Amino acid sequence: MPPAPGFHSQYATQFVTILIAYRLYLDAPSRDVLAASLSGC
């Protein structure tokens, strides 16, 4: 995650978009961090 909390939602959204577009693997710890970040958007 970027150091500035205000960018967490934007970063997580862009990250997931790229994961889906390129069909990339996401490990469980990263999934948990992204899920937590997106739940606060």
PDB file of N, CA and C in Angstrom:
ATOM      1  N   MET A   1       0.831  -1.180   0.000  1.00  0.00           N
ATOM      2  CA  MET A   1       0.000   0.000   0.000  1.00  0.00           C
ATOM      3  C   MET A   1       0.877   1.245   0.000  1.00  0.00           C
ATOM      4  N   PRO A   2       0.396   2.299  -0.644  1.00  0.00           N
ATOM      5  CA  PRO A   2       1.134   3.555  -0.605  1.00  0.00           C
ATOM      6  C   PRO A   2       1.143   4.123   0.818  1.00  0.00           C
ATOM      7  N   PRO A   3       2.153   4.923   1.142  1.00  0.00           N
ATOM      8  CA  PRO A   3       2.230   5.445   2.502  1.00  0.00           C
ATOM      9  C   PRO A   3       1.068   6.363   2.884  1.00  0.00           C
ATOM     10  N   ALA A   4       0.513   7.080   1.932  1.00  0.00           N
ATOM     11  CA  ALA A   4      -0.595   7.999   2.225  1.00  0.00           C
ATOM     12  C   ALA A   4      -1.916   7.225   2.261  1.00  0.00           C
ATOM     13  N   PRO A   5      -2.591   7.175   3.403  1.00  0.00           N
ATOM     14  CA  PRO A   5      -3.843   6.418   3.515  1.00  0.00           C
ATOM     15  C   PRO A   5      -4.924   6.857   2.524  1.00  0.00           C
ATOM     16  N   GLY A   6      -4.894   8.092   2.096  1.00  0.00           N
ATOM     17  CA  GLY A   6      -5.898   8.581   1.165  1.00  0.00           C
ATOM     18  C   GLY A   6      -5.848   7.923  -0.202  1.00  0.00           C
ATOM     19  N   PHE A   7      -4.756   7.242  -0.494  1.00  0.00           N
ATOM     20  CA  PHE A   7      -4.615   6.588  -1.796  1.00  0.00           C
ATOM     21  C   PHE A   7      -4.826   5.080  -1.738  1.00  0.00           C
ATOM     22  N   HIS A   8      -5.134   4.539  -0.569  1.00  0.00           N
ATOM     23  CA  HIS A   8      -5.296   3.089  -0.433  1.00  0.00           C
ATOM     24  C   HIS A   8      -6.418   2.552  -1.314  1.00  0.00           C
ATOM     25  N   SER A   9      -7.559   3.224  -1.344  1.00  0.00           N
ATOM     26  CA  SER A   9      -8.692   2.743  -2.156  1.00  0.00           C
ATOM     27  C   SER A   9      -8.366   2.788  -3.640  1.00  0.00           C
ATOM     28  N   GLN A  10      -7.786   3.886  -4.070  1.00  0.00           N
ATOM     29  CA  GLN A  10      -7.428   4.023  -5.485  1.00  0.00           C
ATOM     30  C   GLN A  10      -6.408   2.960  -5.885  1.00  0.00           C
ATOM     31  N   TYR A  11      -5.394   2.764  -5.056  1.00  0.00           N
ATOM     32  CA  TYR A  11      -4.356   1.783  -5.340  1.00  0.00           C
ATOM     33  C   TYR A  11      -4.952   0.378  -5.405  1.00  0.00           C
ATOM     34  N   ALA A  12      -5.770   0.030  -4.418  1.00  0.00           N
ATOM     35  CA  ALA A  12      -6.361  -1.308  -4.378  1.00  0.00           C
ATOM     36  C   ALA A  12      -7.247  -1.548  -5.593  1.00  0.00           C
ATOM     37  N   THR A  13      -8.014  -0.562  -5.979  1.00  0.00           N
ATOM     38  CA  THR A  13      -8.888  -0.699  -7.152  1.00  0.00           C
ATOM     39  C   THR A  13      -8.070  -0.915  -8.420  1.00  0.00           C
ATOM     40  N   GLN A  14      -7.026  -0.134  -8.595  1.00  0.00           N
ATOM     41  CA  GLN A  14      -6.179  -0.280  -9.781  1.00  0.00           C
ATOM     42  C   GLN A  14      -5.460  -1.626  -9.766  1.00  0.00           C
ATOM     43  N   PHE A  15      -5.011  -2.044  -8.605  1.00  0.00           N
ATOM     44  CA  PHE A  15      -4.298  -3.313  -8.478  1.00  0.00           C
ATOM     45  C   PHE A  15      -5.203  -4.483  -8.870  1.00  0.00           C
ATOM     46  N   VAL A  16      -6.429  -4.482  -8.369  1.00  0.00           N
ATOM     47  CA  VAL A  16      -7.375  -5.554  -8.690  1.00  0.00           C
ATOM     48  C   VAL A  16      -7.737  -5.530 -10.175  1.00  0.00           C
ATOM     49  N   THR A  17      -7.883  -4.351 -10.743  1.00  0.00           N
ATOM     50  CA  THR A  17      -8.178  -4.233 -12.172  1.00  0.00           C
ATOM     51  C   THR A  17      -7.081  -4.887 -13.007  1.00  0.00           C
ATOM     52  N   ILE A  18      -5.836  -4.656 -12.639  1.00  0.00           N
ATOM     53  CA  ILE A  18      -4.708  -5.250 -13.365  1.00  0.00           C
ATOM     54  C   ILE A  18      -4.667  -6.762 -13.153  1.00  0.00           C
ATOM     55  N   LEU A  19      -4.915  -7.201 -11.920  1.00  0.00           N
ATOM     56  CA  LEU A  19      -4.951  -8.644 -11.654  1.00  0.00           C
ATOM     57  C   LEU A  19      -5.962  -9.348 -12.553  1.00  0.00           C
ATOM     58  N   ILE A  20      -7.137  -8.753 -12.670  1.00  0.00           N
ATOM     59  CA  ILE A  20      -8.196  -9.355 -13.485  1.00  0.00           C
ATOM     60  C   ILE A  20      -7.843  -9.296 -14.964  1.00  0.00           C
ATOM     61  N   ALA A  21      -7.362  -8.153 -15.412  1.00  0.00           N
ATOM     62  CA  ALA A  21      -7.061  -7.975 -16.836  1.00  0.00           C
ATOM     63  C   ALA A  21      -5.999  -8.963 -17.325  1.00  0.00           C
ATOM     64  N   TYR A  22      -4.997  -9.224 -16.491  1.00  0.00           N
ATOM     65  CA  TYR A  22      -3.901 -10.105 -16.891  1.00  0.00           C
ATOM     66  C   TYR A  22      -4.003 -11.493 -16.282  1.00  0.00           C
ATOM     67  N   ARG A  23      -5.107 -11.736 -15.580  1.00  0.00           N
ATOM     68  CA  ARG A  23      -5.351 -13.040 -14.952  1.00  0.00           C
ATOM     69  C   ARG A  23      -4.167 -13.479 -14.100  1.00  0.00           C
ATOM     70  N   LEU A  24      -3.740 -12.577 -13.236  1.00  0.00           N
ATOM     71  CA  LEU A  24      -2.602 -12.832 -12.370  1.00  0.00           C
ATOM     72  C   LEU A  24      -3.028 -13.503 -11.076  1.00  0.00           C
ATOM     73  N   TYR A  25      -2.102 -14.223 -10.489  1.00  0.00           N
ATOM     74  CA  TYR A  25      -2.332 -14.917  -9.222  1.00  0.00           C
ATOM     75  C   TYR A  25      -2.231 -13.928  -8.066  1.00  0.00           C
ATOM     76  N   LEU A  26      -3.072 -14.113  -7.072  1.00  0.00           N
ATOM     77  CA  LEU A  26      -3.041 -13.286  -5.875  1.00  0.00           C
ATOM     78  C   LEU A  26      -2.965 -14.212  -4.672  1.00  0.00           C
ATOM     79  N   ASP A  27      -1.902 -14.071  -3.884  1.00  0.00           N
ATOM     80  CA  ASP A  27      -1.759 -14.940  -2.716  1.00  0.00           C
ATOM     81  C   ASP A  27      -2.709 -14.491  -1.601  1.00  0.00           C
ATOM     82  N   ALA A  28      -2.918 -15.365  -0.645  1.00  0.00           N
ATOM     83  CA  ALA A  28      -3.888 -15.115   0.419  1.00  0.00           C
ATOM     84  C   ALA A  28      -3.571 -13.872   1.254  1.00  0.00           C
ATOM     85  N   PRO A  29      -2.321 -13.656   1.666  1.00  0.00           N
ATOM     86  CA  PRO A  29      -2.053 -12.443   2.460  1.00  0.00           C
ATOM     87  C   PRO A  29      -2.348 -11.157   1.682  1.00  0.00           C
ATOM     88  N   SER A  30      -2.005 -11.135   0.402  1.00  0.00           N
ATOM     89  CA  SER A  30      -2.292  -9.952  -0.416  1.00  0.00           C
ATOM     90  C   SER A  30      -3.792  -9.772  -0.596  1.00  0.00           C
ATOM     91  N   ARG A  31      -4.499 -10.877  -0.772  1.00  0.00           N
ATOM     92  CA  ARG A  31      -5.957 -10.814  -0.906  1.00  0.00           C
ATOM     93  C   ARG A  31      -6.591 -10.200   0.335  1.00  0.00           C
ATOM     94  N   ASP A  32      -6.098 -10.602   1.488  1.00  0.00           N
ATOM     95  CA  ASP A  32      -6.650 -10.083   2.737  1.00  0.00           C
ATOM     96  C   ASP A  32      -6.419  -8.575   2.875  1.00  0.00           C
ATOM     97  N   VAL A  33      -5.238  -8.125   2.509  1.00  0.00           N
ATOM     98  CA  VAL A  33      -4.924  -6.687   2.591  1.00  0.00           C
ATOM     99  C   VAL A  33      -5.794  -5.909   1.609  1.00  0.00           C
ATOM    100  N   LEU A  34      -5.931  -6.407   0.392  1.00  0.00           N
ATOM    101  CA  LEU A  34      -6.762  -5.730  -0.606  1.00  0.00           C
ATOM    102  C   LEU A  34      -8.226  -5.716  -0.171  1.00  0.00           C
ATOM    103  N   ALA A  35      -8.705  -6.820   0.352  1.00  0.00           N
ATOM    104  CA  ALA A  35     -10.102  -6.886   0.804  1.00  0.00           C
ATOM    105  C   ALA A  35     -10.356  -5.881   1.926  1.00  0.00           C
ATOM    106  N   ALA A  36      -9.436  -5.792   2.865  1.00  0.00           N
ATOM    107  CA  ALA A  36      -9.586  -4.856   3.969  1.00  0.00           C
ATOM    108  C   ALA A  36      -9.570  -3.415   3.453  1.00  0.00           C
ATOM    109  N   SER A  37      -8.696  -3.145   2.503  1.00  0.00           N
ATOM    110  CA  SER A  37      -8.609  -1.794   1.950  1.00  0.00           C
ATOM    111  C   SER A  37      -9.873  -1.442   1.180  1.00  0.00           C
ATOM    112  N   LEU A  38     -10.354  -2.367   0.367  1.00  0.00           N
ATOM    113  CA  LEU A  38     -11.541  -2.087  -0.442  1.00  0.00           C
ATOM    114  C   LEU A  38     -12.817  -2.002   0.395  1.00  0.00           C
ATOM    115  N   SER A  39     -12.835  -2.661   1.519  1.00  0.00           N
ATOM    116  CA  SER A  39     -14.031  -2.597   2.365  1.00  0.00           C
ATOM    117  C   SER A  39     -14.205  -1.209   2.975  1.00  0.00           C
ATOM    118  N   GLY A  40     -13.129  -0.439   3.015  1.00  0.00           N
ATOM    119  CA  GLY A  40     -13.212   0.918   3.570  1.00  0.00           C
ATOM    120  C   GLY A  40     -13.405   1.998   2.536  1.00  0.00           C
ATOM    121  N   CYS A  41     -13.586   1.603   1.293  1.00  0.00           N
ATOM    122  CA  CYS A  41     -13.750   2.594   0.208  1.00  0.00           C
ATOM    123  C   CYS A  41     -15.155   3.158   0.158  1.00  0.00           C
TER     124      CYS A  41
END
